[in-house]
């Protein structure tokens, strides 16, 4: 299988949601349910002050994650997904859902939790490097970065393992691995940022 060499364009994702408002089965898939539970269980702290979740899609995990956060900024590039996520989380005023693409629309401010779930492999090398840089600039010392990656075969610019290992390697100046777990279909890597990382 030949891998794409460019970051997947916005139109790719807009088209997927045009055909199906829940294209990956976030509300119904046993894979997603189990992965969400494992992701929440991997969080080193019970509570976070300020979290960022890019590529939040329709907000299913966003809603669950918000129970562990005082403030949560979530983002997706597909307008229809953003609308659905906002509706799903409308009763939670501490969640702010924005429309934007990674890495260019990375928000300002500081976070003590960043969750990068199942989208790093869509990025070409230059965008990937820029995302790592922005994560390093906005994660607070002592903050946690959680990586979640599907391990199946795709034509995306990176495989799940390559995306996770590439982030870990590139983030080494500012974050170190706390723990890692691997299921049949996905892996979770948790990094801790620190002044002496």
C-alpha atoms as a PDB file:
ATOM      1  CA  UNK A   1       0.000   0.000   0.000  1.00  0.00           C
ATOM      2  CA  UNK A   2       1.328   3.410  -0.976  1.00  0.00           C
ATOM      3  CA  UNK A   3       1.148   6.061   1.736  1.00  0.00           C
ATOM      4  CA  UNK A   4      -0.059   9.570   1.044  1.00  0.00           C
ATOM      5  CA  UNK A   5       2.690  12.156   1.227  1.00  0.00           C
ATOM      6  CA  UNK A   6       0.580  15.211   2.093  1.00  0.00           C
ATOM      7  CA  UNK A   7      -1.592  16.008   5.100  1.00  0.00           C
ATOM      8  CA  UNK A   8      -5.114  14.805   4.353  1.00  0.00           C
ATOM      9  CA  UNK A   9      -7.096  17.839   3.095  1.00  0.00           C
ATOM     10  CA  UNK A  10     -10.074  19.301   4.924  1.00  0.00           C
ATOM     11  CA  UNK A  11     -12.321  18.261   2.024  1.00  0.00           C
ATOM     12  CA  UNK A  12     -11.515  14.596   2.709  1.00  0.00           C
ATOM     13  CA  UNK A  13     -13.067  14.819   6.170  1.00  0.00           C
ATOM     14  CA  UNK A  14     -15.937  17.103   5.159  1.00  0.00           C
ATOM     15  CA  UNK A  15     -16.868  14.518   2.538  1.00  0.00           C
ATOM     16  CA  UNK A  16     -16.805  11.672   5.032  1.00  0.00           C
ATOM     17  CA  UNK A  17     -19.230  13.506   7.333  1.00  0.00           C
ATOM     18  CA  UNK A  18     -21.455  14.459   4.379  1.00  0.00           C
ATOM     19  CA  UNK A  19     -22.049  10.759   3.783  1.00  0.00           C
ATOM     20  CA  UNK A  20     -22.495   9.802   7.453  1.00  0.00           C
ATOM     21  CA  UNK A  21     -22.884  12.070  10.519  1.00  0.00           C
ATOM     22  CA  UNK A  22     -21.060   9.461  12.643  1.00  0.00           C
ATOM     23  CA  UNK A  23     -18.580   8.005  10.135  1.00  0.00           C
ATOM     24  CA  UNK A  24     -16.463   6.080  12.621  1.00  0.00           C
ATOM     25  CA  UNK A  25     -19.309   4.825  14.791  1.00  0.00           C
ATOM     26  CA  UNK A  26     -18.332   6.896  17.821  1.00  0.00           C
ATOM     27  CA  UNK A  27     -21.787   6.433  19.358  1.00  0.00           C
ATOM     28  CA  UNK A  28     -22.182   2.720  18.614  1.00  0.00           C
ATOM     29  CA  UNK A  29     -18.833   0.964  18.128  1.00  0.00           C
ATOM     30  CA  UNK A  30     -17.541  -1.445  20.754  1.00  0.00           C
ATOM     31  CA  UNK A  31     -14.008  -0.505  19.662  1.00  0.00           C
ATOM     32  CA  UNK A  32     -14.672   3.168  20.391  1.00  0.00           C
ATOM     33  CA  UNK A  33     -16.369   2.412  23.725  1.00  0.00           C
ATOM     34  CA  UNK A  34     -13.482   0.227  24.900  1.00  0.00           C
ATOM     35  CA  UNK A  35     -10.867   2.698  23.641  1.00  0.00           C
ATOM     36  CA  UNK A  36     -12.577   5.613  25.390  1.00  0.00           C
ATOM     37  CA  UNK A  37     -12.645   3.670  28.654  1.00  0.00           C
ATOM     38  CA  UNK A  38      -8.984   2.739  28.329  1.00  0.00           C
ATOM     39  CA  UNK A  39      -8.038   6.331  27.473  1.00  0.00           C
ATOM     40  CA  UNK A  40      -9.817   7.711  30.542  1.00  0.00           C
ATOM     41  CA  UNK A  41      -8.261   4.983  32.702  1.00  0.00           C
ATOM     42  CA  UNK A  42      -4.806   5.954  31.415  1.00  0.00           C
ATOM     43  CA  UNK A  43      -5.055   9.532  32.692  1.00  0.00           C
ATOM     44  CA  UNK A  44      -2.518   9.875  35.514  1.00  0.00           C
ATOM     45  CA  UNK A  45      -4.570  12.435  37.449  1.00  0.00           C
ATOM     46  CA  UNK A  46      -8.140  12.365  38.617  1.00  0.00           C
ATOM     47  CA  UNK A  47      -8.704  15.986  37.589  1.00  0.00           C
ATOM     48  CA  UNK A  48      -7.204  18.554  35.213  1.00  0.00           C
ATOM     49  CA  UNK A  49      -7.437  22.327  35.283  1.00  0.00           C
ATOM     50  CA  UNK A  50      -7.355  23.007  31.533  1.00  0.00           C
ATOM     51  CA  UNK A  51      -7.406  20.400  28.754  1.00  0.00           C
ATOM     52  CA  UNK A  52      -7.231  20.466  24.958  1.00  0.00           C
ATOM     53  CA  UNK A  53      -8.687  17.823  22.644  1.00  0.00           C
ATOM     54  CA  UNK A  54      -8.101  18.506  18.940  1.00  0.00           C
ATOM     55  CA  UNK A  55      -9.965  16.446  16.332  1.00  0.00           C
ATOM     56  CA  UNK A  56     -12.887  15.958  18.720  1.00  0.00           C
ATOM     57  CA  UNK A  57     -15.330  14.938  15.967  1.00  0.00           C
ATOM     58  CA  UNK A  58     -18.927  14.781  17.242  1.00  0.00           C
ATOM     59  CA  UNK A  59     -17.923  15.119  20.893  1.00  0.00           C
ATOM     60  CA  UNK A  60     -18.625  11.664  22.294  1.00  0.00           C
ATOM     61  CA  UNK A  61     -15.245  11.354  24.018  1.00  0.00           C
ATOM     62  CA  UNK A  62     -15.259  15.107  24.692  1.00  0.00           C
ATOM     63  CA  UNK A  63     -18.295  14.733  26.923  1.00  0.00           C
ATOM     64  CA  UNK A  64     -16.737  11.850  28.854  1.00  0.00           C
ATOM     65  CA  UNK A  65     -13.387  13.643  29.196  1.00  0.00           C
ATOM     66  CA  UNK A  66     -15.089  16.789  30.482  1.00  0.00           C
ATOM     67  CA  UNK A  67     -15.996  14.990  33.708  1.00  0.00           C
ATOM     68  CA  UNK A  68     -12.278  15.052  34.585  1.00  0.00           C
ATOM     69  CA  UNK A  69     -11.602  18.695  33.591  1.00  0.00           C
ATOM     70  CA  UNK A  70     -12.380  22.114  35.020  1.00  0.00           C
ATOM     71  CA  UNK A  71     -12.072  23.532  31.487  1.00  0.00           C
ATOM     72  CA  UNK A  72     -11.907  21.711  28.169  1.00  0.00           C
ATOM     73  CA  UNK A  73     -11.210  23.220  24.754  1.00  0.00           C
ATOM     74  CA  UNK A  74     -12.133  20.834  21.927  1.00  0.00           C
ATOM     75  CA  UNK A  75     -11.748  21.423  18.206  1.00  0.00           C
ATOM     76  CA  UNK A  76     -12.604  19.878  14.864  1.00  0.00           C
ATOM     77  CA  UNK A  77     -12.227  21.066  11.286  1.00  0.00           C
ATOM     78  CA  UNK A  78     -15.606  19.766  10.023  1.00  0.00           C
ATOM     79  CA  UNK A  79     -18.431  22.264  10.640  1.00  0.00           C
ATOM     80  CA  UNK A  80     -21.099  19.550  10.862  1.00  0.00           C
ATOM     81  CA  UNK A  81     -19.086  17.648  13.474  1.00  0.00           C
ATOM     82  CA  UNK A  82     -18.553  20.840  15.480  1.00  0.00           C
ATOM     83  CA  UNK A  83     -22.300  21.540  15.474  1.00  0.00           C
ATOM     84  CA  UNK A  84     -23.055  18.016  16.669  1.00  0.00           C
ATOM     85  CA  UNK A  85     -20.378  18.198  19.373  1.00  0.00           C
ATOM     86  CA  UNK A  86     -21.721  21.535  20.597  1.00  0.00           C
ATOM     87  CA  UNK A  87     -25.235  20.102  20.812  1.00  0.00           C
ATOM     88  CA  UNK A  88     -23.983  16.990  22.626  1.00  0.00           C
ATOM     89  CA  UNK A  89     -22.117  19.096  25.191  1.00  0.00           C
ATOM     90  CA  UNK A  90     -24.520  22.045  25.420  1.00  0.00           C
ATOM     91  CA  UNK A  91     -25.291  21.416  29.086  1.00  0.00           C
ATOM     92  CA  UNK A  92     -21.603  21.646  30.055  1.00  0.00           C
ATOM     93  CA  UNK A  93     -20.517  25.294  30.045  1.00  0.00           C
ATOM     94  CA  UNK A  94     -16.917  24.414  30.912  1.00  0.00           C
ATOM     95  CA  UNK A  95     -16.524  22.856  27.418  1.00  0.00           C
ATOM     96  CA  UNK A  96     -15.638  25.169  24.538  1.00  0.00           C
ATOM     97  CA  UNK A  97     -15.883  23.571  21.109  1.00  0.00           C
ATOM     98  CA  UNK A  98     -14.168  25.436  18.282  1.00  0.00           C
ATOM     99  CA  UNK A  99     -13.900  24.933  14.543  1.00  0.00           C
ATOM    100  CA  UNK A 100     -10.326  24.692  13.318  1.00  0.00           C
ATOM    101  CA  UNK A 101      -7.649  22.493  11.763  1.00  0.00           C
ATOM    102  CA  UNK A 102      -4.392  21.196  13.162  1.00  0.00           C
ATOM    103  CA  UNK A 103      -1.766  22.429  13.524  1.00  0.00           C
ATOM    104  CA  UNK A 104      -2.561  25.899  12.214  1.00  0.00           C
ATOM    105  CA  UNK A 105      -5.469  26.673  14.542  1.00  0.00           C
ATOM    106  CA  UNK A 106      -3.851  25.362  17.720  1.00  0.00           C
ATOM    107  CA  UNK A 107      -5.230  27.581  20.523  1.00  0.00           C
ATOM    108  CA  UNK A 108      -3.227  29.897  22.704  1.00  0.00           C
ATOM    109  CA  UNK A 109      -3.062  29.472  26.445  1.00  0.00           C
ATOM    110  CA  UNK A 110      -1.613  26.708  28.587  1.00  0.00           C
ATOM    111  CA  UNK A 111      -2.930  23.211  29.225  1.00  0.00           C
ATOM    112  CA  UNK A 112      -2.164  20.587  31.833  1.00  0.00           C
ATOM    113  CA  UNK A 113      -3.696  17.887  29.597  1.00  0.00           C
ATOM    114  CA  UNK A 114      -3.541  17.447  25.818  1.00  0.00           C
ATOM    115  CA  UNK A 115      -5.258  14.414  24.263  1.00  0.00           C
ATOM    116  CA  UNK A 116      -4.103  13.588  20.727  1.00  0.00           C
ATOM    117  CA  UNK A 117      -6.389  10.776  19.659  1.00  0.00           C
ATOM    118  CA  UNK A 118      -6.383   9.077  16.276  1.00  0.00           C
ATOM    119  CA  UNK A 119      -5.412  11.910  13.981  1.00  0.00           C
ATOM    120  CA  UNK A 120      -1.626  12.422  14.092  1.00  0.00           C
ATOM    121  CA  UNK A 121      -1.243   9.880  11.293  1.00  0.00           C
ATOM    122  CA  UNK A 122      -3.194  12.188   8.960  1.00  0.00           C
ATOM    123  CA  UNK A 123      -0.338  14.721   9.067  1.00  0.00           C
ATOM    124  CA  UNK A 124       2.610  15.030   6.692  1.00  0.00           C
ATOM    125  CA  UNK A 125       6.053  15.567   8.287  1.00  0.00           C
ATOM    126  CA  UNK A 126       6.070  19.391   8.301  1.00  0.00           C
ATOM    127  CA  UNK A 127       2.602  19.627   9.871  1.00  0.00           C
ATOM    128  CA  UNK A 128       3.474  16.851  12.312  1.00  0.00           C
ATOM    129  CA  UNK A 129       6.601  18.709  13.431  1.00  0.00           C
ATOM    130  CA  UNK A 130       4.633  21.946  13.836  1.00  0.00           C
ATOM    131  CA  UNK A 131       2.021  20.189  15.966  1.00  0.00           C
ATOM    132  CA  UNK A 132       4.690  18.755  18.266  1.00  0.00           C
ATOM    133  CA  UNK A 133       6.217  22.215  18.590  1.00  0.00           C
ATOM    134  CA  UNK A 134       2.867  23.758  19.532  1.00  0.00           C
ATOM    135  CA  UNK A 135       2.169  21.015  22.041  1.00  0.00           C
ATOM    136  CA  UNK A 136       5.541  21.705  23.637  1.00  0.00           C
ATOM    137  CA  UNK A 137       4.818  25.427  23.827  1.00  0.00           C
ATOM    138  CA  UNK A 138       1.403  25.040  25.474  1.00  0.00           C
ATOM    139  CA  UNK A 139       1.746  22.049  27.811  1.00  0.00           C
ATOM    140  CA  UNK A 140       2.398  23.138  31.371  1.00  0.00           C
ATOM    141  CA  UNK A 141       5.392  21.718  33.245  1.00  0.00           C
ATOM    142  CA  UNK A 142       4.089  18.574  34.877  1.00  0.00           C
ATOM    143  CA  UNK A 143       1.205  18.356  32.389  1.00  0.00           C
ATOM    144  CA  UNK A 144       0.203  15.172  30.600  1.00  0.00           C
ATOM    145  CA  UNK A 145       0.009  14.413  26.877  1.00  0.00           C
ATOM    146  CA  UNK A 146      -2.011  11.341  25.901  1.00  0.00           C
ATOM    147  CA  UNK A 147      -1.523   9.747  22.480  1.00  0.00           C
ATOM    148  CA  UNK A 148      -4.079   7.255  21.143  1.00  0.00           C
ATOM    149  CA  UNK A 149      -3.501   5.529  17.809  1.00  0.00           C
ATOM    150  CA  UNK A 150      -5.301   2.883  15.791  1.00  0.00           C
ATOM    151  CA  UNK A 151      -2.881   0.218  14.557  1.00  0.00           C
ATOM    152  CA  UNK A 152      -4.621  -0.991  11.391  1.00  0.00           C
ATOM    153  CA  UNK A 153      -3.324  -0.600   7.851  1.00  0.00           C
ATOM    154  CA  UNK A 154      -4.111   2.638   6.029  1.00  0.00           C
ATOM    155  CA  UNK A 155      -2.750   4.839   3.264  1.00  0.00           C
ATOM    156  CA  UNK A 156      -2.344   7.776   5.661  1.00  0.00           C
ATOM    157  CA  UNK A 157       1.021   9.568   5.765  1.00  0.00           C
ATOM    158  CA  UNK A 158       1.950   7.648   8.954  1.00  0.00           C
ATOM    159  CA  UNK A 159       1.000   4.370  10.587  1.00  0.00           C
ATOM    160  CA  UNK A 160      -0.277   4.410  14.161  1.00  0.00           C
ATOM    161  CA  UNK A 161       3.049   3.161  15.486  1.00  0.00           C
ATOM    162  CA  UNK A 162       5.039   5.642  13.393  1.00  0.00           C
ATOM    163  CA  UNK A 163       2.869   8.528  14.589  1.00  0.00           C
ATOM    164  CA  UNK A 164       3.219   7.574  18.254  1.00  0.00           C
ATOM    165  CA  UNK A 165       6.944   6.854  18.086  1.00  0.00           C
ATOM    166  CA  UNK A 166       7.558   9.991  16.047  1.00  0.00           C
ATOM    167  CA  UNK A 167       5.767  12.157  18.584  1.00  0.00           C
ATOM    168  CA  UNK A 168       7.605  10.554  21.499  1.00  0.00           C
ATOM    169  CA  UNK A 169      10.959  11.063  19.778  1.00  0.00           C
ATOM    170  CA  UNK A 170      10.217  14.659  18.748  1.00  0.00           C
ATOM    171  CA  UNK A 171       8.812  15.583  22.160  1.00  0.00           C
ATOM    172  CA  UNK A 172      11.836  14.238  24.046  1.00  0.00           C
ATOM    173  CA  UNK A 173      13.174  17.748  24.818  1.00  0.00           C
ATOM    174  CA  UNK A 174      10.034  18.595  26.799  1.00  0.00           C
ATOM    175  CA  UNK A 175       8.226  15.353  27.735  1.00  0.00           C
ATOM    176  CA  UNK A 176       8.995  11.779  28.702  1.00  0.00           C
ATOM    177  CA  UNK A 177       6.883   8.611  28.545  1.00  0.00           C
ATOM    178  CA  UNK A 178       5.110   7.793  31.808  1.00  0.00           C
ATOM    179  CA  UNK A 179       3.403   4.621  30.636  1.00  0.00           C
ATOM    180  CA  UNK A 180       2.288   2.793  27.526  1.00  0.00           C
ATOM    181  CA  UNK A 181      -0.336   0.167  26.803  1.00  0.00           C
ATOM    182  CA  UNK A 182      -1.232  -1.773  23.710  1.00  0.00           C
ATOM    183  CA  UNK A 183      -4.457  -3.522  22.745  1.00  0.00           C
ATOM    184  CA  UNK A 184      -5.067  -5.566  19.607  1.00  0.00           C
ATOM    185  CA  UNK A 185      -6.278  -2.552  17.631  1.00  0.00           C
ATOM    186  CA  UNK A 186      -4.778   0.517  19.309  1.00  0.00           C
ATOM    187  CA  UNK A 187      -2.008   1.840  21.528  1.00  0.00           C
ATOM    188  CA  UNK A 188      -2.029   4.485  24.262  1.00  0.00           C
ATOM    189  CA  UNK A 189       1.076   6.433  25.242  1.00  0.00           C
ATOM    190  CA  UNK A 190       1.097   8.885  28.161  1.00  0.00           C
ATOM    191  CA  UNK A 191       3.828  11.503  28.389  1.00  0.00           C
ATOM    192  CA  UNK A 192       4.607  13.893  31.224  1.00  0.00           C
ATOM    193  CA  UNK A 193       6.045  17.314  30.506  1.00  0.00           C
ATOM    194  CA  UNK A 194       8.674  18.742  32.799  1.00  0.00           C
ATOM    195  CA  UNK A 195      11.323  21.406  33.046  1.00  0.00           C
ATOM    196  CA  UNK A 196      14.053  18.771  33.165  1.00  0.00           C
ATOM    197  CA  UNK A 197      12.455  16.425  30.615  1.00  0.00           C
END
